[in-house]
Amino acid sequence: MVHYSHLDIGELILSTYWLLCAAISFEVIGTLLLPASNGFSKLLPSVAVTVSYIVSFYFLSLVVQKL
């Protein structure tokens, strides 16, 4: 079992919030790019949407691990 000091818990919570903010930001970017992909018929916006969602889910998985 890992024991955290008071300072470590605060840093852990702060880093978790930053990861959550990053996940939300990438999800919003991906959602905003959806109309530009034109139903996934345009390559570059479609790749950007896909990458944004993948990065968002990766950051979310890190947040869940830290809970």
PDB file of N, CA and C in Angstrom:
ATOM      1  N   MET A   1       0.843  -1.178   0.000  1.00  0.00           N
ATOM      2  CA  MET A   1       0.000   0.000   0.000  1.00  0.00           C
ATOM      3  C   MET A   1       0.886   1.237   0.000  1.00  0.00           C
ATOM      4  N   VAL A   2       0.489   2.229  -0.787  1.00  0.00           N
ATOM      5  CA  VAL A   2       1.263   3.462  -0.899  1.00  0.00           C
ATOM      6  C   VAL A   2       0.728   4.468   0.101  1.00  0.00           C
ATOM      7  N   HIS A   3       1.635   5.091   0.853  1.00  0.00           N
ATOM      8  CA  HIS A   3       1.247   6.120   1.810  1.00  0.00           C
ATOM      9  C   HIS A   3       1.673   7.476   1.261  1.00  0.00           C
ATOM     10  N   TYR A   4       0.759   8.406   1.255  1.00  0.00           N
ATOM     11  CA  TYR A   4       1.026   9.748   0.761  1.00  0.00           C
ATOM     12  C   TYR A   4       1.064  10.718   1.930  1.00  0.00           C
ATOM     13  N   SER A   5       1.967  11.663   1.847  1.00  0.00           N
ATOM     14  CA  SER A   5       1.952  12.731   2.841  1.00  0.00           C
ATOM     15  C   SER A   5       0.903  13.756   2.415  1.00  0.00           C
ATOM     16  N   HIS A   6       0.654  14.728   3.272  1.00  0.00           N
ATOM     17  CA  HIS A   6      -0.349  15.761   2.978  1.00  0.00           C
ATOM     18  C   HIS A   6       0.007  16.507   1.690  1.00  0.00           C
ATOM     19  N   LEU A   7       1.284  16.834   1.507  1.00  0.00           N
ATOM     20  CA  LEU A   7       1.710  17.563   0.318  1.00  0.00           C
ATOM     21  C   LEU A   7       1.556  16.711  -0.931  1.00  0.00           C
ATOM     22  N   ASP A   8       1.875  15.427  -0.833  1.00  0.00           N
ATOM     23  CA  ASP A   8       1.749  14.553  -1.986  1.00  0.00           C
ATOM     24  C   ASP A   8       0.302  14.421  -2.442  1.00  0.00           C
ATOM     25  N   ILE A   9      -0.630  14.365  -1.507  1.00  0.00           N
ATOM     26  CA  ILE A   9      -2.048  14.253  -1.867  1.00  0.00           C
ATOM     27  C   ILE A   9      -2.508  15.508  -2.606  1.00  0.00           C
ATOM     28  N   GLY A  10      -2.075  16.673  -2.144  1.00  0.00           N
ATOM     29  CA  GLY A  10      -2.431  17.914  -2.827  1.00  0.00           C
ATOM     30  C   GLY A  10      -1.879  17.961  -4.238  1.00  0.00           C
ATOM     31  N   GLU A  11      -0.632  17.519  -4.407  1.00  0.00           N
ATOM     32  CA  GLU A  11      -0.030  17.493  -5.742  1.00  0.00           C
ATOM     33  C   GLU A  11      -0.730  16.474  -6.632  1.00  0.00           C
ATOM     34  N   LEU A  12      -1.110  15.339  -6.062  1.00  0.00           N
ATOM     35  CA  LEU A  12      -1.813  14.316  -6.819  1.00  0.00           C
ATOM     36  C   LEU A  12      -3.162  14.834  -7.300  1.00  0.00           C
ATOM     37  N   ILE A  13      -3.889  15.512  -6.432  1.00  0.00           N
ATOM     38  CA  ILE A  13      -5.191  16.070  -6.800  1.00  0.00           C
ATOM     39  C   ILE A  13      -5.034  17.141  -7.872  1.00  0.00           C
ATOM     40  N   LEU A  14      -4.029  17.999  -7.720  1.00  0.00           N
ATOM     41  CA  LEU A  14      -3.800  19.062  -8.697  1.00  0.00           C
ATOM     42  C   LEU A  14      -3.446  18.481 -10.057  1.00  0.00           C
ATOM     43  N   SER A  15      -2.563  17.475 -10.075  1.00  0.00           N
ATOM     44  CA  SER A  15      -2.185  16.889 -11.363  1.00  0.00           C
ATOM     45  C   SER A  15      -3.380  16.157 -11.988  1.00  0.00           C
ATOM     46  N   THR A  16      -4.236  15.570 -11.163  1.00  0.00           N
ATOM     47  CA  THR A  16      -5.427  14.906 -11.686  1.00  0.00           C
ATOM     48  C   THR A  16      -6.377  15.909 -12.322  1.00  0.00           C
ATOM     49  N   TYR A  17      -6.533  17.058 -11.691  1.00  0.00           N
ATOM     50  CA  TYR A  17      -7.386  18.095 -12.287  1.00  0.00           C
ATOM     51  C   TYR A  17      -6.808  18.607 -13.606  1.00  0.00           C
ATOM     52  N   TRP A  18      -5.494  18.750 -13.688  1.00  0.00           N
ATOM     53  CA  TRP A  18      -4.880  19.187 -14.950  1.00  0.00           C
ATOM     54  C   TRP A  18      -5.106  18.149 -16.046  1.00  0.00           C
ATOM     55  N   LEU A  19      -4.982  16.880 -15.699  1.00  0.00           N
ATOM     56  CA  LEU A  19      -5.250  15.829 -16.682  1.00  0.00           C
ATOM     57  C   LEU A  19      -6.713  15.840 -17.117  1.00  0.00           C
ATOM     58  N   LEU A  20      -7.615  16.068 -16.174  1.00  0.00           N
ATOM     59  CA  LEU A  20      -9.035  16.148 -16.508  1.00  0.00           C
ATOM     60  C   LEU A  20      -9.320  17.341 -17.410  1.00  0.00           C
ATOM     61  N   CYS A  21      -8.697  18.472 -17.131  1.00  0.00           N
ATOM     62  CA  CYS A  21      -8.865  19.661 -17.992  1.00  0.00           C
ATOM     63  C   CYS A  21      -8.331  19.397 -19.396  1.00  0.00           C
ATOM     64  N   ALA A  22      -7.212  18.695 -19.487  1.00  0.00           N
ATOM     65  CA  ALA A  22      -6.659  18.357 -20.800  1.00  0.00           C
ATOM     66  C   ALA A  22      -7.601  17.423 -21.558  1.00  0.00           C
ATOM     67  N   ALA A  23      -8.158  16.431 -20.860  1.00  0.00           N
ATOM     68  CA  ALA A  23      -9.094  15.502 -21.501  1.00  0.00           C
ATOM     69  C   ALA A  23     -10.322  16.245 -22.017  1.00  0.00           C
ATOM     70  N   ILE A  24     -10.845  17.137 -21.212  1.00  0.00           N
ATOM     71  CA  ILE A  24     -12.021  17.916 -21.628  1.00  0.00           C
ATOM     72  C   ILE A  24     -11.677  18.807 -22.818  1.00  0.00           C
ATOM     73  N   SER A  25     -10.516  19.417 -22.790  1.00  0.00           N
ATOM     74  CA  SER A  25     -10.099  20.296 -23.886  1.00  0.00           C
ATOM     75  C   SER A  25      -9.990  19.534 -25.205  1.00  0.00           C
ATOM     76  N   PHE A  26      -9.365  18.363 -25.177  1.00  0.00           N
ATOM     77  CA  PHE A  26      -9.242  17.581 -26.409  1.00  0.00           C
ATOM     78  C   PHE A  26     -10.596  17.078 -26.891  1.00  0.00           C
ATOM     79  N   GLU A  27     -11.492  16.780 -25.972  1.00  0.00           N
ATOM     80  CA  GLU A  27     -12.830  16.348 -26.377  1.00  0.00           C
ATOM     81  C   GLU A  27     -13.583  17.503 -27.040  1.00  0.00           C
ATOM     82  N   VAL A  28     -13.444  18.690 -26.493  1.00  0.00           N
ATOM     83  CA  VAL A  28     -14.103  19.866 -27.084  1.00  0.00           C
ATOM     84  C   VAL A  28     -13.507  20.171 -28.457  1.00  0.00           C
ATOM     85  N   ILE A  29     -12.197  20.075 -28.578  1.00  0.00           N
ATOM     86  CA  ILE A  29     -11.550  20.308 -29.881  1.00  0.00           C
ATOM     87  C   ILE A  29     -12.068  19.311 -30.913  1.00  0.00           C
ATOM     88  N   GLY A  30     -12.138  18.034 -30.515  1.00  0.00           N
ATOM     89  CA  GLY A  30     -12.653  17.022 -31.435  1.00  0.00           C
ATOM     90  C   GLY A  30     -14.087  17.287 -31.840  1.00  0.00           C
ATOM     91  N   THR A  31     -14.899  17.703 -30.891  1.00  0.00           N
ATOM     92  CA  THR A  31     -16.302  17.993 -31.189  1.00  0.00           C
ATOM     93  C   THR A  31     -16.435  19.206 -32.101  1.00  0.00           C
ATOM     94  N   LEU A  32     -15.617  20.214 -31.870  1.00  0.00           N
ATOM     95  CA  LEU A  32     -15.667  21.405 -32.732  1.00  0.00           C
ATOM     96  C   LEU A  32     -15.186  21.107 -34.156  1.00  0.00           C
ATOM     97  N   LEU A  33     -14.327  20.116 -34.305  1.00  0.00           N
ATOM     98  CA  LEU A  33     -13.827  19.765 -35.638  1.00  0.00           C
ATOM     99  C   LEU A  33     -14.772  18.839 -36.411  1.00  0.00           C
ATOM    100  N   LEU A  34     -15.787  18.295 -35.751  1.00  0.00           N
ATOM    101  CA  LEU A  34     -16.702  17.380 -36.439  1.00  0.00           C
ATOM    102  C   LEU A  34     -17.364  17.997 -37.676  1.00  0.00           C
ATOM    103  N   PRO A  35     -17.886  19.230 -37.617  1.00  0.00           N
ATOM    104  CA  PRO A  35     -18.477  19.791 -38.840  1.00  0.00           C
ATOM    105  C   PRO A  35     -17.454  19.979 -39.964  1.00  0.00           C
ATOM    106  N   ALA A  36     -16.205  20.257 -39.612  1.00  0.00           N
ATOM    107  CA  ALA A  36     -15.178  20.445 -40.636  1.00  0.00           C
ATOM    108  C   ALA A  36     -14.837  19.143 -41.347  1.00  0.00           C
ATOM    109  N   SER A  37     -15.073  18.009 -40.676  1.00  0.00           N
ATOM    110  CA  SER A  37     -14.766  16.720 -41.305  1.00  0.00           C
ATOM    111  C   SER A  37     -15.805  16.334 -42.358  1.00  0.00           C
ATOM    112  N   ASN A  38     -16.949  17.024 -42.346  1.00  0.00           N
ATOM    113  CA  ASN A  38     -18.008  16.821 -43.336  1.00  0.00           C
ATOM    114  C   ASN A  38     -18.392  15.346 -43.439  1.00  0.00           C
ATOM    115  N   GLY A  39     -18.782  14.774 -42.302  1.00  0.00           N
ATOM    116  CA  GLY A  39     -19.185  13.372 -42.287  1.00  0.00           C
ATOM    117  C   GLY A  39     -18.011  12.427 -42.495  1.00  0.00           C
ATOM    118  N   PHE A  40     -16.848  12.817 -42.047  1.00  0.00           N
ATOM    119  CA  PHE A  40     -15.610  12.048 -42.195  1.00  0.00           C
ATOM    120  C   PHE A  40     -15.243  11.827 -43.658  1.00  0.00           C
ATOM    121  N   SER A  41     -15.610  12.785 -44.520  1.00  0.00           N
ATOM    122  CA  SER A  41     -15.256  12.684 -45.935  1.00  0.00           C
ATOM    123  C   SER A  41     -14.001  13.485 -46.268  1.00  0.00           C
ATOM    124  N   LYS A  42     -13.581  14.364 -45.367  1.00  0.00           N
ATOM    125  CA  LYS A  42     -12.347  15.130 -45.564  1.00  0.00           C
ATOM    126  C   LYS A  42     -11.274  14.535 -44.667  1.00  0.00           C
ATOM    127  N   LEU A  43     -10.133  14.224 -45.235  1.00  0.00           N
ATOM    128  CA  LEU A  43      -9.116  13.454 -44.538  1.00  0.00           C
ATOM    129  C   LEU A  43      -8.510  14.180 -43.344  1.00  0.00           C
ATOM    130  N   LEU A  44      -7.971  15.358 -43.526  1.00  0.00           N
ATOM    131  CA  LEU A  44      -7.249  16.038 -42.448  1.00  0.00           C
ATOM    132  C   LEU A  44      -8.135  16.345 -41.236  1.00  0.00           C
ATOM    133  N   PRO A  45      -9.329  16.940 -41.414  1.00  0.00           N
ATOM    134  CA  PRO A  45     -10.183  17.147 -40.243  1.00  0.00           C
ATOM    135  C   PRO A  45     -10.621  15.834 -39.583  1.00  0.00           C
ATOM    136  N   SER A  46     -10.824  14.798 -40.380  1.00  0.00           N
ATOM    137  CA  SER A  46     -11.217  13.502 -39.822  1.00  0.00           C
ATOM    138  C   SER A  46     -10.106  12.913 -38.966  1.00  0.00           C
ATOM    139  N   VAL A  47      -8.865  13.048 -39.420  1.00  0.00           N
ATOM    140  CA  VAL A  47      -7.722  12.575 -38.640  1.00  0.00           C
ATOM    141  C   VAL A  47      -7.608  13.388 -37.354  1.00  0.00           C
ATOM    142  N   ALA A  48      -7.801  14.700 -37.452  1.00  0.00           N
ATOM    143  CA  ALA A  48      -7.723  15.557 -36.272  1.00  0.00           C
ATOM    144  C   ALA A  48      -8.802  15.198 -35.241  1.00  0.00           C
ATOM    145  N   VAL A  49     -10.014  14.907 -35.705  1.00  0.00           N
ATOM    146  CA  VAL A  49     -11.097  14.498 -34.802  1.00  0.00           C
ATOM    147  C   VAL A  49     -10.731  13.195 -34.108  1.00  0.00           C
ATOM    148  N   THR A  50     -10.262  12.229 -34.871  1.00  0.00           N
ATOM    149  CA  THR A  50      -9.911  10.920 -34.319  1.00  0.00           C
ATOM    150  C   THR A  50      -8.780  11.032 -33.305  1.00  0.00           C
ATOM    151  N   VAL A  51      -7.745  11.776 -33.646  1.00  0.00           N
ATOM    152  CA  VAL A  51      -6.612  11.952 -32.730  1.00  0.00           C
ATOM    153  C   VAL A  51      -7.054  12.684 -31.464  1.00  0.00           C
ATOM    154  N   SER A  52      -7.886  13.691 -31.614  1.00  0.00           N
ATOM    155  CA  SER A  52      -8.366  14.443 -30.444  1.00  0.00           C
ATOM    156  C   SER A  52      -9.130  13.540 -29.484  1.00  0.00           C
ATOM    157  N   TYR A  53      -9.994  12.686 -30.021  1.00  0.00           N
ATOM    158  CA  TYR A  53     -10.755  11.782 -29.150  1.00  0.00           C
ATOM    159  C   TYR A  53      -9.860  10.716 -28.519  1.00  0.00           C
ATOM    160  N   ILE A  54      -8.883  10.221 -29.254  1.00  0.00           N
ATOM    161  CA  ILE A  54      -7.962   9.232 -28.691  1.00  0.00           C
ATOM    162  C   ILE A  54      -7.160   9.837 -27.545  1.00  0.00           C
ATOM    163  N   VAL A  55      -6.646  11.045 -27.746  1.00  0.00           N
ATOM    164  CA  VAL A  55      -5.885  11.718 -26.692  1.00  0.00           C
ATOM    165  C   VAL A  55      -6.782  12.010 -25.494  1.00  0.00           C
ATOM    166  N   SER A  56      -8.009  12.416 -25.750  1.00  0.00           N
ATOM    167  CA  SER A  56      -8.955  12.680 -24.665  1.00  0.00           C
ATOM    168  C   SER A  56      -9.208  11.428 -23.831  1.00  0.00           C
ATOM    169  N   PHE A  57      -9.457  10.297 -24.482  1.00  0.00           N
ATOM    170  CA  PHE A  57      -9.687   9.061 -23.741  1.00  0.00           C
ATOM    171  C   PHE A  57      -8.436   8.598 -23.007  1.00  0.00           C
ATOM    172  N   TYR A  58      -7.268   8.844 -23.573  1.00  0.00           N
ATOM    173  CA  TYR A  58      -6.030   8.490 -22.880  1.00  0.00           C
ATOM    174  C   TYR A  58      -5.902   9.283 -21.576  1.00  0.00           C
ATOM    175  N   PHE A  59      -6.126  10.596 -21.652  1.00  0.00           N
ATOM    176  CA  PHE A  59      -6.053  11.421 -20.447  1.00  0.00           C
ATOM    177  C   PHE A  59      -7.119  11.020 -19.433  1.00  0.00           C
ATOM    178  N   LEU A  60      -8.315  10.670 -19.917  1.00  0.00           N
ATOM    179  CA  LEU A  60      -9.361  10.211 -19.008  1.00  0.00           C
ATOM    180  C   LEU A  60      -8.965   8.908 -18.307  1.00  0.00           C
ATOM    181  N   SER A  61      -8.283   8.029 -19.033  1.00  0.00           N
ATOM    182  CA  SER A  61      -7.848   6.781 -18.407  1.00  0.00           C
ATOM    183  C   SER A  61      -6.813   7.054 -17.320  1.00  0.00           C
ATOM    184  N   LEU A  62      -5.955   8.046 -17.531  1.00  0.00           N
ATOM    185  CA  LEU A  62      -4.995   8.423 -16.485  1.00  0.00           C
ATOM    186  C   LEU A  62      -5.700   8.989 -15.259  1.00  0.00           C
ATOM    187  N   VAL A  63      -6.731   9.779 -15.483  1.00  0.00           N
ATOM    188  CA  VAL A  63      -7.495  10.341 -14.362  1.00  0.00           C
ATOM    189  C   VAL A  63      -8.144   9.230 -13.549  1.00  0.00           C
ATOM    190  N   VAL A  64      -8.745   8.267 -14.232  1.00  0.00           N
ATOM    191  CA  VAL A  64      -9.424   7.173 -13.544  1.00  0.00           C
ATOM    192  C   VAL A  64      -8.419   6.328 -12.752  1.00  0.00           C
ATOM    193  N   GLN A  65      -7.233   6.143 -13.275  1.00  0.00           N
ATOM    194  CA  GLN A  65      -6.209   5.384 -12.556  1.00  0.00           C
ATOM    195  C   GLN A  65      -5.802   6.075 -11.258  1.00  0.00           C
ATOM    196  N   LYS A  66      -5.840   7.402 -11.251  1.00  0.00           N
ATOM    197  CA  LYS A  66      -5.403   8.151 -10.074  1.00  0.00           C
ATOM    198  C   LYS A  66      -6.480   8.293  -9.013  1.00  0.00           C
ATOM    199  N   LEU A  67      -7.720   7.926  -9.342  1.00  0.00           N
ATOM    200  CA  LEU A  67      -8.805   8.036  -8.367  1.00  0.00           C
ATOM    201  C   LEU A  67      -8.684   6.998  -7.264  1.00  0.00           C
TER     202      LEU A  67
END
